[in-house]
Amino acid sequence: MRLTDFWERMREHFGEAYADSFARDHVMSELGGRTVYEALEAGWEAKDVWRAVCRAMDVPARLR
């Protein structure tokens, strides 16, 4: 998954404004106690981060 696809899915699920806020502020155990931004900066693949978000936030199947 390309990073642009990841952010499109984030915005589609959370909305334009909240996607960035969620990614900066929400610490996820699925990401080893990191936020989305921290996980991506630490080298996690975008697809793995997206899968963690999907599991944690009950993302609809059409966006997975």
C-alpha atoms as a PDB file:
ATOM      1  CA  MET A   1       0.000   0.000   0.000  1.00  0.00           C
ATOM      2  CA  ARG A   2       1.312   3.399  -0.924  1.00  0.00           C
ATOM      3  CA  LEU A   3       1.296   6.129   1.686  1.00  0.00           C
ATOM      4  CA  THR A   4      -1.078   8.219  -0.456  1.00  0.00           C
ATOM      5  CA  ASP A   5      -3.583   5.341  -0.427  1.00  0.00           C
ATOM      6  CA  PHE A   6      -3.210   5.034   3.327  1.00  0.00           C
ATOM      7  CA  TRP A   7      -4.024   8.711   3.904  1.00  0.00           C
ATOM      8  CA  GLU A   8      -6.968   8.589   1.490  1.00  0.00           C
ATOM      9  CA  ARG A   9      -8.444   5.711   3.485  1.00  0.00           C
ATOM     10  CA  MET A  10      -7.783   7.486   6.765  1.00  0.00           C
ATOM     11  CA  ARG A  11      -9.597  10.615   5.519  1.00  0.00           C
ATOM     12  CA  GLU A  12     -12.465   8.580   4.113  1.00  0.00           C
ATOM     13  CA  HIS A  13     -13.020   6.781   7.409  1.00  0.00           C
ATOM     14  CA  PHE A  14     -12.295   9.551   9.936  1.00  0.00           C
ATOM     15  CA  GLY A  15     -12.971  12.694   7.907  1.00  0.00           C
ATOM     16  CA  GLU A  16     -10.505  15.298   6.679  1.00  0.00           C
ATOM     17  CA  ALA A  17      -9.841  17.044   9.996  1.00  0.00           C
ATOM     18  CA  TYR A  18     -10.054  14.102  12.399  1.00  0.00           C
ATOM     19  CA  ALA A  19      -7.784  11.766  10.384  1.00  0.00           C
ATOM     20  CA  ASP A  20      -4.743  13.918  11.140  1.00  0.00           C
ATOM     21  CA  SER A  21      -5.730  14.419  14.769  1.00  0.00           C
ATOM     22  CA  PHE A  22      -6.282  10.687  15.267  1.00  0.00           C
ATOM     23  CA  ALA A  23      -2.940   9.889  13.618  1.00  0.00           C
ATOM     24  CA  ARG A  24      -1.079  12.359  15.858  1.00  0.00           C
ATOM     25  CA  ASP A  25      -2.807  11.781  19.186  1.00  0.00           C
ATOM     26  CA  HIS A  26      -4.221   8.248  19.437  1.00  0.00           C
ATOM     27  CA  VAL A  27      -1.681   5.839  20.932  1.00  0.00           C
ATOM     28  CA  MET A  28      -2.429   2.302  19.770  1.00  0.00           C
ATOM     29  CA  SER A  29      -1.327  -0.889  21.500  1.00  0.00           C
ATOM     30  CA  GLU A  30      -1.539  -2.589  18.078  1.00  0.00           C
ATOM     31  CA  LEU A  31       1.333  -0.338  17.008  1.00  0.00           C
ATOM     32  CA  GLY A  32       3.489  -1.071  20.014  1.00  0.00           C
ATOM     33  CA  GLY A  33       2.269   1.929  21.990  1.00  0.00           C
ATOM     34  CA  ARG A  34       2.828   4.336  19.104  1.00  0.00           C
ATOM     35  CA  THR A  35       0.642   6.755  17.230  1.00  0.00           C
ATOM     36  CA  VAL A  36       0.087   6.292  13.496  1.00  0.00           C
ATOM     37  CA  TYR A  37       2.683   8.965  12.717  1.00  0.00           C
ATOM     38  CA  GLU A  38       5.215   7.436  15.096  1.00  0.00           C
ATOM     39  CA  ALA A  39       4.731   3.970  13.616  1.00  0.00           C
ATOM     40  CA  LEU A  40       5.173   5.252  10.071  1.00  0.00           C
ATOM     41  CA  GLU A  41       8.272   7.236  11.083  1.00  0.00           C
ATOM     42  CA  ALA A  42       9.661   4.132  12.813  1.00  0.00           C
ATOM     43  CA  GLY A  43       9.502   2.262   9.511  1.00  0.00           C
ATOM     44  CA  TRP A  44       6.233   0.355   9.780  1.00  0.00           C
ATOM     45  CA  GLU A  45       4.677  -0.454   6.418  1.00  0.00           C
ATOM     46  CA  ALA A  46       1.583   1.620   5.634  1.00  0.00           C
ATOM     47  CA  LYS A  47      -0.459  -1.550   5.021  1.00  0.00           C
ATOM     48  CA  ASP A  48       0.413  -2.884   8.485  1.00  0.00           C
ATOM     49  CA  VAL A  49      -0.493   0.419  10.131  1.00  0.00           C
ATOM     50  CA  TRP A  50      -3.777   0.479   8.198  1.00  0.00           C
ATOM     51  CA  ARG A  51      -4.595  -3.087   9.286  1.00  0.00           C
ATOM     52  CA  ALA A  52      -3.969  -2.102  12.914  1.00  0.00           C
ATOM     53  CA  VAL A  53      -6.254   0.934  12.535  1.00  0.00           C
ATOM     54  CA  CYS A  54      -8.931  -1.286  10.952  1.00  0.00           C
ATOM     55  CA  ARG A  55      -8.823  -3.760  13.825  1.00  0.00           C
ATOM     56  CA  ALA A  56      -8.791  -1.125  16.543  1.00  0.00           C
ATOM     57  CA  MET A  57     -11.406   1.224  15.105  1.00  0.00           C
ATOM     58  CA  ASP A  58     -13.879  -1.159  13.417  1.00  0.00           C
ATOM     59  CA  VAL A  59     -13.294   0.197   9.911  1.00  0.00           C
ATOM     60  CA  PRO A  60     -15.986  -0.986   7.463  1.00  0.00           C
ATOM     61  CA  ALA A  61     -15.005  -3.853   5.155  1.00  0.00           C
ATOM     62  CA  ARG A  62     -15.321  -1.674   2.025  1.00  0.00           C
ATOM     63  CA  LEU A  63     -12.359   0.428   3.222  1.00  0.00           C
ATOM     64  CA  ARG A  64     -10.094  -2.404   4.300  1.00  0.00           C
END
